[in-house]
Amino acid sequence: MATAINTEAHDRAMQVVKANLTFASASQSATTTHSYYGFVTQVFIDHGGTAPSDNWDLVVTDEFGVDVLNGKGANIASGTDQHTFTQADLDNGMACSGQLTFSGTNGGTSSGVAEIYLYIARYQ
């Protein structure tokens, strides 16, 4: 499984982006094809089988370089299979604008995988 954006449900009120970061090197990134305008309300991370190195970092930036996770993606524990950041964790929803880039760092080189689901309430 390569690092990629796997799903982009961009044409509904609750938009969802699914990204897989496969750490064959310590840093991985992938950018969405579509643009997103709204508020990030939840982030779900699943490590599945082989997790990245402990305390890996996730940053999701929009077209202006703003981290739409507001720093909450720092030092993610790989010993826990799943992590969820809710709207309350994200200061009641972080605004995003444009294409999104998922960047994972400090994940090691052992092909650990992080499956990330980003839920965005469309700005209307």
N, C-alpha and C. Protein backbone atom coordinates (compact mmCIF):
# COMPACT_ATOMS: atom_id res chain seq x y z
N MET A 1 0.85 -1.16 0.00
CA MET A 1 0.00 0.00 0.00
C MET A 1 0.91 1.24 0.00
N ALA A 2 0.71 2.10 -0.94
CA ALA A 2 1.53 3.31 -1.06
C ALA A 2 0.86 4.48 -0.36
N THR A 3 1.64 5.52 -0.10
CA THR A 3 1.08 6.73 0.45
C THR A 3 0.18 7.36 -0.60
N ALA A 4 -1.07 7.62 -0.23
CA ALA A 4 -2.03 8.15 -1.21
C ALA A 4 -3.27 8.68 -0.54
N ILE A 5 -3.98 9.54 -1.27
CA ILE A 5 -5.33 9.92 -0.90
C ILE A 5 -6.22 8.86 -1.53
N ASN A 6 -6.95 8.10 -0.73
CA ASN A 6 -7.74 6.98 -1.25
C ASN A 6 -9.17 7.34 -1.61
N THR A 7 -9.78 8.23 -0.84
CA THR A 7 -11.18 8.58 -1.05
C THR A 7 -11.36 10.06 -0.83
N GLU A 8 -12.12 10.69 -1.74
CA GLU A 8 -12.48 12.09 -1.56
C GLU A 8 -13.98 12.23 -1.81
N ALA A 9 -14.76 12.28 -0.74
CA ALA A 9 -16.20 12.50 -0.83
C ALA A 9 -16.41 14.01 -0.65
N HIS A 10 -16.29 14.74 -1.76
CA HIS A 10 -16.26 16.20 -1.71
C HIS A 10 -17.57 16.85 -2.10
N ASP A 11 -18.54 16.07 -2.52
CA ASP A 11 -19.77 16.63 -3.08
C ASP A 11 -20.97 16.46 -2.15
N ARG A 12 -20.74 16.54 -0.87
CA ARG A 12 -21.84 16.42 0.10
C ARG A 12 -21.64 17.40 1.25
N ALA A 13 -22.65 17.53 2.11
CA ALA A 13 -22.57 18.48 3.22
C ALA A 13 -21.46 18.10 4.20
N MET A 14 -21.31 16.80 4.50
CA MET A 14 -20.20 16.33 5.33
C MET A 14 -19.20 15.68 4.39
N GLN A 15 -18.10 16.36 4.15
CA GLN A 15 -17.07 15.87 3.24
C GLN A 15 -16.12 14.97 4.01
N VAL A 16 -15.61 13.94 3.34
CA VAL A 16 -14.69 13.01 3.98
C VAL A 16 -13.49 12.78 3.06
N VAL A 17 -12.30 12.86 3.65
CA VAL A 17 -11.08 12.53 2.92
C VAL A 17 -10.42 11.39 3.67
N LYS A 18 -10.08 10.33 2.92
CA LYS A 18 -9.35 9.21 3.51
C LYS A 18 -7.96 9.18 2.89
N ALA A 19 -6.95 9.19 3.76
CA ALA A 19 -5.56 9.14 3.31
C ALA A 19 -4.85 7.98 3.99
N ASN A 20 -3.98 7.31 3.25
CA ASN A 20 -3.11 6.28 3.82
C ASN A 20 -1.69 6.80 3.73
N LEU A 21 -1.02 6.87 4.87
CA LEU A 21 0.40 7.21 4.89
C LEU A 21 1.17 5.94 5.22
N THR A 22 2.00 5.49 4.30
CA THR A 22 2.82 4.30 4.48
C THR A 22 4.26 4.75 4.65
N PHE A 23 4.81 4.53 5.81
CA PHE A 23 6.14 5.04 6.15
C PHE A 23 7.24 4.09 5.70
N ALA A 24 7.57 4.15 4.41
CA ALA A 24 8.74 3.44 3.89
C ALA A 24 9.97 4.31 4.10
N SER A 25 9.74 5.60 4.35
CA SER A 25 10.78 6.53 4.79
C SER A 25 10.17 7.33 5.93
N ALA A 26 10.96 8.07 6.66
CA ALA A 26 10.50 8.73 7.88
C ALA A 26 9.43 9.78 7.62
N SER A 27 9.37 10.35 6.42
CA SER A 27 8.40 11.39 6.10
C SER A 27 7.59 10.99 4.87
N GLN A 28 6.29 11.21 4.94
CA GLN A 28 5.39 10.91 3.84
C GLN A 28 4.39 12.04 3.68
N SER A 29 3.93 12.29 2.44
CA SER A 29 2.89 13.29 2.25
C SER A 29 2.05 12.95 1.03
N ALA A 30 0.81 13.46 1.02
CA ALA A 30 -0.12 13.28 -0.08
C ALA A 30 -1.05 14.48 -0.09
N THR A 31 -1.45 14.92 -1.30
CA THR A 31 -2.31 16.09 -1.45
C THR A 31 -3.60 15.70 -2.14
N THR A 32 -4.71 16.28 -1.70
CA THR A 32 -6.01 15.99 -2.29
C THR A 32 -6.09 16.54 -3.71
N THR A 33 -6.94 15.93 -4.51
CA THR A 33 -7.21 16.42 -5.86
C THR A 33 -8.19 17.57 -5.81
N HIS A 34 -9.19 17.44 -4.95
CA HIS A 34 -10.25 18.44 -4.84
C HIS A 34 -9.92 19.47 -3.76
N SER A 35 -10.62 20.60 -3.80
CA SER A 35 -10.49 21.63 -2.78
C SER A 35 -11.63 21.49 -1.77
N TYR A 36 -11.36 21.85 -0.53
CA TYR A 36 -12.33 21.73 0.55
C TYR A 36 -12.47 23.07 1.26
N TYR A 37 -13.73 23.47 1.49
CA TYR A 37 -14.02 24.74 2.16
C TYR A 37 -15.01 24.44 3.26
N GLY A 38 -14.57 24.52 4.51
CA GLY A 38 -15.45 24.22 5.63
C GLY A 38 -14.67 24.13 6.92
N PHE A 39 -15.21 23.32 7.83
CA PHE A 39 -14.64 23.19 9.17
C PHE A 39 -14.36 21.73 9.47
N VAL A 40 -13.13 21.43 9.87
CA VAL A 40 -12.77 20.07 10.26
C VAL A 40 -13.45 19.77 11.58
N THR A 41 -14.29 18.74 11.59
CA THR A 41 -15.06 18.42 12.80
C THR A 41 -14.57 17.16 13.50
N GLN A 42 -13.88 16.29 12.77
CA GLN A 42 -13.37 15.07 13.39
C GLN A 42 -12.24 14.49 12.56
N VAL A 43 -11.29 13.88 13.26
CA VAL A 43 -10.19 13.17 12.61
C VAL A 43 -10.11 11.79 13.27
N PHE A 44 -10.07 10.76 12.45
CA PHE A 44 -9.96 9.40 12.95
C PHE A 44 -8.70 8.79 12.33
N ILE A 45 -7.83 8.22 13.17
CA ILE A 45 -6.60 7.60 12.72
C ILE A 45 -6.61 6.14 13.15
N ASP A 46 -6.37 5.25 12.18
CA ASP A 46 -6.32 3.82 12.45
C ASP A 46 -4.95 3.31 12.04
N HIS A 47 -4.23 2.68 12.98
CA HIS A 47 -2.92 2.14 12.68
C HIS A 47 -2.99 0.74 12.09
N GLY A 48 -4.09 0.06 12.29
CA GLY A 48 -4.26 -1.26 11.69
C GLY A 48 -3.20 -2.24 12.14
N GLY A 49 -2.54 -2.88 11.18
CA GLY A 49 -1.54 -3.92 11.49
C GLY A 49 -0.23 -3.36 11.99
N THR A 50 0.60 -2.85 11.10
CA THR A 50 1.91 -2.33 11.46
C THR A 50 1.83 -0.82 11.61
N ALA A 51 2.09 -0.34 12.80
CA ALA A 51 1.97 1.09 13.07
C ALA A 51 3.29 1.80 12.77
N PRO A 52 3.23 3.11 12.50
CA PRO A 52 4.46 3.89 12.38
C PRO A 52 5.20 3.92 13.72
N SER A 53 6.38 4.50 13.75
CA SER A 53 7.13 4.64 15.00
C SER A 53 6.33 5.44 16.01
N ASP A 54 6.56 5.16 17.28
CA ASP A 54 5.85 5.86 18.36
C ASP A 54 6.13 7.35 18.31
N ASN A 55 5.11 8.13 18.65
CA ASN A 55 5.18 9.59 18.69
C ASN A 55 5.44 10.21 17.32
N TRP A 56 4.84 9.63 16.29
CA TRP A 56 4.93 10.22 14.96
C TRP A 56 4.03 11.44 14.89
N ASP A 57 4.24 12.27 13.89
CA ASP A 57 3.52 13.55 13.79
C ASP A 57 2.71 13.62 12.50
N LEU A 58 1.50 14.19 12.60
CA LEU A 58 0.64 14.41 11.45
C LEU A 58 0.27 15.89 11.39
N VAL A 59 0.47 16.47 10.22
CA VAL A 59 0.05 17.85 9.96
C VAL A 59 -0.77 17.81 8.68
N VAL A 60 -1.93 18.47 8.68
CA VAL A 60 -2.74 18.61 7.48
C VAL A 60 -2.85 20.10 7.20
N THR A 61 -2.28 20.54 6.08
CA THR A 61 -2.28 21.97 5.77
C THR A 61 -3.20 22.27 4.60
N ASP A 62 -3.79 23.48 4.62
CA ASP A 62 -4.63 23.91 3.52
C ASP A 62 -3.82 24.77 2.56
N GLU A 63 -4.48 25.43 1.62
CA GLU A 63 -3.77 26.20 0.59
C GLU A 63 -2.97 27.37 1.14
N PHE A 64 -3.27 27.78 2.37
CA PHE A 64 -2.54 28.88 2.99
C PHE A 64 -1.45 28.40 3.94
N GLY A 65 -1.25 27.08 4.01
CA GLY A 65 -0.22 26.51 4.88
C GLY A 65 -0.64 26.42 6.34
N VAL A 66 -1.93 26.56 6.62
CA VAL A 66 -2.45 26.50 7.99
C VAL A 66 -2.69 25.04 8.37
N ASP A 67 -2.23 24.64 9.54
CA ASP A 67 -2.45 23.29 10.04
C ASP A 67 -3.90 23.19 10.52
N VAL A 68 -4.74 22.49 9.77
CA VAL A 68 -6.16 22.41 10.12
C VAL A 68 -6.41 21.48 11.30
N LEU A 69 -5.36 20.83 11.82
CA LEU A 69 -5.47 20.04 13.04
C LEU A 69 -5.06 20.85 14.27
N ASN A 70 -4.61 22.07 14.06
CA ASN A 70 -4.25 22.98 15.14
C ASN A 70 -3.22 22.36 16.10
N GLY A 71 -2.25 21.62 15.55
CA GLY A 71 -1.20 21.03 16.36
C GLY A 71 -1.57 19.77 17.09
N LYS A 72 -2.82 19.32 16.96
CA LYS A 72 -3.27 18.12 17.69
C LYS A 72 -2.66 16.83 17.14
N GLY A 73 -2.05 16.88 15.95
CA GLY A 73 -1.47 15.69 15.35
C GLY A 73 -0.03 15.43 15.78
N ALA A 74 0.46 16.16 16.77
CA ALA A 74 1.84 15.97 17.24
C ALA A 74 1.92 14.78 18.20
N ASN A 75 3.00 14.02 18.08
CA ASN A 75 3.31 12.93 19.01
C ASN A 75 2.19 11.90 19.16
N ILE A 76 1.78 11.33 18.05
CA ILE A 76 0.72 10.32 18.06
C ILE A 76 1.32 8.99 18.52
N ALA A 77 0.73 8.42 19.55
CA ALA A 77 1.21 7.16 20.11
C ALA A 77 0.83 6.01 19.19
N SER A 78 1.81 5.23 18.77
CA SER A 78 1.53 4.11 17.87
C SER A 78 1.09 2.86 18.62
N GLY A 79 1.24 2.86 19.94
CA GLY A 79 0.81 1.71 20.74
C GLY A 79 -0.70 1.62 20.84
N THR A 80 -1.40 2.69 20.48
CA THR A 80 -2.86 2.69 20.48
C THR A 80 -3.31 2.51 19.03
N ASP A 81 -4.16 1.52 18.78
CA ASP A 81 -4.57 1.21 17.40
C ASP A 81 -5.34 2.36 16.75
N GLN A 82 -6.18 3.05 17.54
CA GLN A 82 -7.03 4.08 16.96
C GLN A 82 -7.01 5.35 17.79
N HIS A 83 -7.08 6.48 17.10
CA HIS A 83 -7.14 7.80 17.73
C HIS A 83 -8.27 8.58 17.09
N THR A 84 -8.98 9.35 17.91
CA THR A 84 -10.03 10.22 17.38
C THR A 84 -9.86 11.60 17.99
N PHE A 85 -9.84 12.60 17.13
CA PHE A 85 -9.87 14.00 17.57
C PHE A 85 -11.25 14.53 17.20
N THR A 86 -11.98 15.03 18.19
CA THR A 86 -13.33 15.50 17.95
C THR A 86 -13.35 17.01 17.72
N GLN A 87 -14.52 17.51 17.42
CA GLN A 87 -14.69 18.95 17.21
C GLN A 87 -14.24 19.73 18.44
N ALA A 88 -14.50 19.22 19.63
CA ALA A 88 -14.07 19.89 20.87
C ALA A 88 -12.54 19.92 20.96
N ASP A 89 -11.88 18.83 20.57
CA ASP A 89 -10.41 18.79 20.57
C ASP A 89 -9.82 19.79 19.59
N LEU A 90 -10.57 20.07 18.53
CA LEU A 90 -10.10 20.97 17.47
C LEU A 90 -10.63 22.39 17.67
N ASP A 91 -10.81 22.80 18.91
CA ASP A 91 -11.27 24.14 19.25
C ASP A 91 -12.56 24.50 18.52
N ASN A 92 -13.52 23.56 18.56
CA ASN A 92 -14.85 23.71 17.99
C ASN A 92 -14.84 23.76 16.47
N GLY A 93 -13.87 23.11 15.85
CA GLY A 93 -13.81 23.01 14.39
C GLY A 93 -12.82 23.98 13.78
N MET A 94 -11.85 23.47 13.05
CA MET A 94 -10.83 24.30 12.41
C MET A 94 -11.21 24.53 10.96
N ALA A 95 -11.14 25.79 10.53
CA ALA A 95 -11.47 26.14 9.15
C ALA A 95 -10.40 25.61 8.20
N CYS A 96 -10.84 25.22 7.01
CA CYS A 96 -9.88 24.82 5.97
C CYS A 96 -10.34 25.40 4.64
N SER A 97 -9.37 25.62 3.76
CA SER A 97 -9.66 26.24 2.48
C SER A 97 -8.72 25.70 1.41
N GLY A 98 -9.28 25.10 0.36
CA GLY A 98 -8.48 24.65 -0.77
C GLY A 98 -8.04 23.21 -0.65
N GLN A 99 -7.03 22.86 -1.44
CA GLN A 99 -6.49 21.51 -1.40
C GLN A 99 -5.80 21.27 -0.06
N LEU A 100 -5.84 20.02 0.41
CA LEU A 100 -5.27 19.66 1.70
C LEU A 100 -4.08 18.73 1.50
N THR A 101 -3.01 18.99 2.22
CA THR A 101 -1.82 18.13 2.17
C THR A 101 -1.64 17.45 3.52
N PHE A 102 -1.62 16.13 3.50
CA PHE A 102 -1.40 15.31 4.68
C PHE A 102 0.10 15.02 4.75
N SER A 103 0.75 15.41 5.83
CA SER A 103 2.19 15.18 5.99
C SER A 103 2.45 14.45 7.29
N GLY A 104 3.08 13.29 7.18
CA GLY A 104 3.46 12.52 8.35
C GLY A 104 4.97 12.53 8.47
N THR A 105 5.47 12.76 9.68
CA THR A 105 6.91 12.76 9.93
C THR A 105 7.21 11.91 11.16
N ASN A 106 8.47 11.54 11.31
CA ASN A 106 8.96 10.74 12.45
C ASN A 106 8.28 9.38 12.54
N GLY A 107 7.85 8.84 11.38
CA GLY A 107 7.13 7.57 11.37
C GLY A 107 8.00 6.35 11.20
N GLY A 108 9.31 6.56 11.07
CA GLY A 108 10.21 5.43 10.89
C GLY A 108 10.26 4.96 9.45
N THR A 109 10.94 3.85 9.24
CA THR A 109 11.12 3.32 7.88
C THR A 109 10.69 1.86 7.76
N SER A 110 9.85 1.42 8.68
CA SER A 110 9.47 0.00 8.70
C SER A 110 8.15 -0.27 7.99
N SER A 111 7.72 0.63 7.12
CA SER A 111 6.47 0.49 6.36
C SER A 111 5.23 0.48 7.25
N GLY A 112 5.30 1.19 8.37
CA GLY A 112 4.12 1.36 9.21
C GLY A 112 3.06 2.15 8.46
N VAL A 113 1.79 1.86 8.76
CA VAL A 113 0.69 2.49 8.04
C VAL A 113 -0.22 3.25 9.00
N ALA A 114 -0.60 4.45 8.57
CA ALA A 114 -1.61 5.22 9.28
C ALA A 114 -2.72 5.53 8.29
N GLU A 115 -3.93 5.08 8.60
CA GLU A 115 -5.09 5.35 7.77
C GLU A 115 -5.83 6.51 8.45
N ILE A 116 -6.02 7.60 7.73
CA ILE A 116 -6.55 8.82 8.32
C ILE A 116 -7.85 9.21 7.63
N TYR A 117 -8.88 9.47 8.42
CA TYR A 117 -10.16 9.95 7.92
C TYR A 117 -10.36 11.36 8.47
N LEU A 118 -10.56 12.31 7.56
CA LEU A 118 -10.78 13.70 7.94
C LEU A 118 -12.20 14.08 7.55
N TYR A 119 -13.00 14.51 8.53
CA TYR A 119 -14.39 14.88 8.30
C TYR A 119 -14.50 16.40 8.30
N ILE A 120 -15.09 16.96 7.24
CA ILE A 120 -15.16 18.41 7.06
C ILE A 120 -16.62 18.80 6.80
N ALA A 121 -17.17 19.66 7.67
CA ALA A 121 -18.51 20.20 7.45
C ALA A 121 -18.38 21.33 6.43
N ARG A 122 -19.07 21.18 5.32
CA ARG A 122 -18.99 22.15 4.22
C ARG A 122 -19.48 23.53 4.67
N TYR A 123 -18.74 24.54 4.27
CA TYR A 123 -19.16 25.92 4.52
C TYR A 123 -20.28 26.24 3.54
N GLN A 124 -21.43 26.69 4.06
CA GLN A 124 -22.55 26.99 3.17
C GLN A 124 -23.11 28.35 3.44
